[in-house]
N, C-alpha and C. Protein backbone atom coordinates (compact mmCIF):
# COMPACT_ATOMS: atom_id res chain seq x y z
N MET A 1 217.77 46.30 67.55
CA MET A 1 218.65 45.52 66.69
C MET A 1 218.04 44.13 66.49
N LEU A 2 217.97 43.73 65.25
CA LEU A 2 217.42 42.42 64.94
C LEU A 2 218.46 41.32 65.13
N PRO A 3 218.01 40.14 65.53
CA PRO A 3 218.96 39.04 65.75
C PRO A 3 219.32 38.30 64.45
N PHE A 4 219.05 38.92 63.31
CA PHE A 4 219.36 38.30 62.02
C PHE A 4 220.19 39.26 61.19
N SER A 5 221.01 38.72 60.31
CA SER A 5 221.71 39.58 59.34
C SER A 5 220.72 39.96 58.24
N ASP A 6 221.03 41.01 57.53
CA ASP A 6 220.19 41.43 56.41
C ASP A 6 220.08 40.31 55.38
N GLN A 7 221.15 39.59 55.17
CA GLN A 7 221.16 38.49 54.19
C GLN A 7 220.21 37.37 54.62
N LYS A 8 220.19 37.06 55.93
CA LYS A 8 219.29 36.01 56.42
C LYS A 8 217.83 36.43 56.39
N LEU A 9 217.59 37.72 56.39
CA LEU A 9 216.21 38.23 56.32
C LEU A 9 215.64 38.16 54.91
N LEU A 10 216.49 38.14 53.91
CA LEU A 10 216.04 38.26 52.53
C LEU A 10 214.96 37.24 52.16
N LYS A 11 215.20 35.97 52.35
CA LYS A 11 214.25 34.94 51.93
C LYS A 11 212.93 35.03 52.71
N PRO A 12 212.97 35.14 54.06
CA PRO A 12 211.70 35.28 54.78
C PRO A 12 210.90 36.52 54.37
N VAL A 13 211.59 37.62 54.12
CA VAL A 13 210.91 38.85 53.69
C VAL A 13 210.27 38.63 52.32
N GLU A 14 210.98 37.99 51.40
CA GLU A 14 210.41 37.70 50.09
C GLU A 14 209.16 36.83 50.20
N ILE A 15 209.19 35.86 51.09
CA ILE A 15 208.03 34.97 51.28
C ILE A 15 206.83 35.76 51.79
N VAL A 16 207.03 36.61 52.77
CA VAL A 16 205.94 37.41 53.32
C VAL A 16 205.39 38.36 52.26
N ILE A 17 206.26 39.03 51.52
CA ILE A 17 205.81 39.94 50.47
C ILE A 17 205.02 39.19 49.40
N ASP A 18 205.45 37.99 49.07
CA ASP A 18 204.73 37.18 48.08
C ASP A 18 203.34 36.79 48.57
N LYS A 19 203.15 36.69 49.89
CA LYS A 19 201.83 36.40 50.44
C LYS A 19 200.90 37.60 50.32
N VAL A 20 201.45 38.80 50.44
CA VAL A 20 200.66 40.04 50.39
C VAL A 20 200.41 40.48 48.95
N ARG A 21 201.32 40.15 48.07
CA ARG A 21 201.29 40.62 46.68
C ARG A 21 199.95 40.38 45.96
N PRO A 22 199.31 39.21 46.08
CA PRO A 22 198.04 39.00 45.36
C PRO A 22 196.97 40.04 45.69
N MET A 23 196.93 40.49 46.94
CA MET A 23 195.98 41.53 47.34
C MET A 23 196.25 42.82 46.56
N LEU A 24 197.52 43.16 46.41
CA LEU A 24 197.89 44.37 45.69
C LEU A 24 197.58 44.23 44.20
N ILE A 25 197.89 43.08 43.64
CA ILE A 25 197.65 42.84 42.21
C ILE A 25 196.15 42.90 41.91
N ASN A 26 195.32 42.39 42.83
CA ASN A 26 193.87 42.46 42.64
C ASN A 26 193.37 43.89 42.55
N ASP A 27 194.09 44.82 43.17
CA ASP A 27 193.72 46.24 43.12
C ASP A 27 194.49 47.00 42.04
N GLY A 28 195.19 46.28 41.17
CA GLY A 28 195.90 46.93 40.07
C GLY A 28 197.28 47.43 40.42
N GLY A 29 197.82 46.98 41.55
CA GLY A 29 199.14 47.44 41.98
C GLY A 29 200.11 46.30 42.16
N ASN A 30 201.22 46.62 42.79
CA ASN A 30 202.24 45.62 43.08
C ASN A 30 203.24 46.24 44.05
N VAL A 31 204.19 45.44 44.50
CA VAL A 31 205.24 45.93 45.38
C VAL A 31 206.54 45.24 44.96
N THR A 32 207.62 46.01 44.99
CA THR A 32 208.94 45.48 44.65
C THR A 32 209.85 45.65 45.86
N LEU A 33 210.50 44.56 46.24
CA LEU A 33 211.50 44.61 47.30
C LEU A 33 212.79 45.16 46.71
N LEU A 34 213.27 46.27 47.23
CA LEU A 34 214.48 46.90 46.71
C LEU A 34 215.73 46.43 47.43
N LYS A 35 215.69 46.45 48.76
CA LYS A 35 216.85 46.01 49.54
C LYS A 35 216.46 45.89 51.00
N ILE A 36 217.33 45.25 51.74
CA ILE A 36 217.23 45.19 53.19
C ILE A 36 218.55 45.70 53.73
N GLU A 37 218.46 46.70 54.59
CA GLU A 37 219.67 47.32 55.12
C GLU A 37 219.45 47.67 56.59
N ASN A 38 220.29 47.12 57.45
CA ASN A 38 220.20 47.37 58.89
C ASN A 38 218.82 47.02 59.44
N GLY A 39 218.24 45.93 58.93
CA GLY A 39 216.94 45.48 59.41
C GLY A 39 215.77 46.28 58.88
N LYS A 40 216.03 47.19 57.99
CA LYS A 40 214.97 47.98 57.36
C LYS A 40 214.71 47.43 55.97
N VAL A 41 213.44 47.21 55.66
CA VAL A 41 213.03 46.64 54.39
C VAL A 41 212.56 47.79 53.49
N TYR A 42 213.26 47.97 52.38
CA TYR A 42 212.95 49.05 51.44
C TYR A 42 212.15 48.47 50.27
N VAL A 43 210.97 49.04 50.03
CA VAL A 43 210.11 48.58 48.95
C VAL A 43 209.64 49.77 48.12
N ARG A 44 209.09 49.44 46.95
CA ARG A 44 208.47 50.47 46.10
C ARG A 44 207.10 49.95 45.69
N LEU A 45 206.08 50.73 45.97
CA LEU A 45 204.74 50.40 45.49
C LEU A 45 204.65 50.78 44.03
N GLU A 46 203.93 49.98 43.26
CA GLU A 46 203.84 50.20 41.82
C GLU A 46 202.40 50.12 41.35
N GLY A 47 202.19 50.52 40.11
CA GLY A 47 200.86 50.45 39.51
C GLY A 47 199.89 51.36 40.25
N ALA A 48 198.67 50.85 40.45
CA ALA A 48 197.63 51.64 41.09
C ALA A 48 197.96 51.97 42.54
N CYS A 49 198.85 51.20 43.15
CA CYS A 49 199.23 51.47 44.55
C CYS A 49 200.09 52.72 44.68
N LYS A 50 200.84 53.01 43.64
CA LYS A 50 201.72 54.18 43.68
C LYS A 50 200.86 55.45 43.66
N GLY A 51 200.95 56.21 44.71
CA GLY A 51 200.20 57.45 44.79
C GLY A 51 198.77 57.29 45.28
N CYS A 52 198.35 56.07 45.57
CA CYS A 52 197.00 55.83 46.07
C CYS A 52 196.87 56.44 47.46
N PRO A 53 195.73 57.07 47.76
CA PRO A 53 195.53 57.66 49.08
C PRO A 53 195.64 56.63 50.22
N SER A 54 195.36 55.38 49.93
CA SER A 54 195.43 54.34 50.96
C SER A 54 196.77 53.63 51.02
N SER A 55 197.74 54.08 50.24
CA SER A 55 199.02 53.38 50.16
C SER A 55 199.74 53.33 51.51
N SER A 56 199.64 54.39 52.31
CA SER A 56 200.31 54.37 53.62
C SER A 56 199.68 53.32 54.53
N LYS A 57 198.38 53.12 54.42
CA LYS A 57 197.71 52.09 55.21
C LYS A 57 198.09 50.70 54.70
N THR A 58 198.21 50.56 53.38
CA THR A 58 198.64 49.29 52.79
C THR A 58 200.02 48.92 53.31
N LEU A 59 200.91 49.90 53.34
CA LEU A 59 202.27 49.65 53.81
C LEU A 59 202.28 49.29 55.29
N LYS A 60 201.61 50.08 56.11
CA LYS A 60 201.66 49.93 57.56
C LYS A 60 200.88 48.70 58.04
N PHE A 61 199.62 48.59 57.61
CA PHE A 61 198.74 47.56 58.16
C PHE A 61 198.72 46.29 57.31
N GLY A 62 199.24 46.35 56.11
CA GLY A 62 199.31 45.17 55.26
C GLY A 62 200.69 44.56 55.28
N ILE A 63 201.62 45.22 54.64
CA ILE A 63 202.95 44.65 54.45
C ILE A 63 203.76 44.66 55.75
N GLU A 64 203.90 45.82 56.37
CA GLU A 64 204.73 45.90 57.58
C GLU A 64 204.16 45.03 58.71
N SER A 65 202.85 45.02 58.86
CA SER A 65 202.23 44.20 59.89
C SER A 65 202.52 42.72 59.66
N ALA A 66 202.45 42.27 58.41
CA ALA A 66 202.75 40.87 58.09
C ALA A 66 204.22 40.56 58.39
N LEU A 67 205.12 41.47 58.04
CA LEU A 67 206.55 41.26 58.33
C LEU A 67 206.79 41.16 59.83
N LYS A 68 206.16 42.04 60.60
CA LYS A 68 206.34 42.04 62.05
C LYS A 68 205.76 40.77 62.67
N ASN A 69 204.60 40.34 62.20
CA ASN A 69 203.95 39.15 62.76
C ASN A 69 204.68 37.87 62.41
N GLU A 70 205.18 37.78 61.19
CA GLU A 70 205.75 36.52 60.72
C GLU A 70 207.27 36.41 60.90
N ILE A 71 207.96 37.55 61.04
CA ILE A 71 209.42 37.48 61.15
C ILE A 71 209.92 38.04 62.47
N HIS A 72 209.71 39.34 62.71
CA HIS A 72 210.21 39.95 63.95
C HIS A 72 209.50 41.28 64.16
N PRO A 73 209.10 41.58 65.40
CA PRO A 73 208.34 42.81 65.66
C PRO A 73 209.11 44.11 65.46
N ASP A 74 210.43 44.05 65.32
CA ASP A 74 211.23 45.27 65.14
C ASP A 74 211.54 45.60 63.69
N ILE A 75 211.03 44.81 62.76
CA ILE A 75 211.29 45.11 61.34
C ILE A 75 210.58 46.41 60.97
N GLU A 76 211.27 47.21 60.20
CA GLU A 76 210.71 48.49 59.74
C GLU A 76 210.61 48.47 58.23
N LEU A 77 209.49 48.95 57.71
CA LEU A 77 209.26 49.00 56.27
C LEU A 77 209.37 50.44 55.79
N ILE A 78 210.11 50.65 54.72
CA ILE A 78 210.29 51.99 54.16
C ILE A 78 209.91 51.96 52.70
N ASN A 79 209.00 52.84 52.30
CA ASN A 79 208.59 52.96 50.91
C ASN A 79 209.48 53.97 50.22
N VAL A 80 210.12 53.52 49.16
CA VAL A 80 210.94 54.41 48.34
C VAL A 80 210.11 54.72 47.10
N GLY A 81 209.41 55.85 47.18
CA GLY A 81 208.44 56.19 46.15
C GLY A 81 209.02 56.49 44.86
């Protein structure tokens, strides 16, 4: 259980995603934050990232890792394809 409400997580999560976004855009993709529910961050990969064989690594080692390092180690990222 995270020590923050979903509402309090919104701004920090947006900031972290905005830091990662340029890397995705450089590869022809993007990411959209859909919602935060029960400490789980729901996103959708777009453009070239959608369906890319490396998309699971981008999610796990790029976006989720940044969220865990900068906000809280228990944050979970879920891709809604």
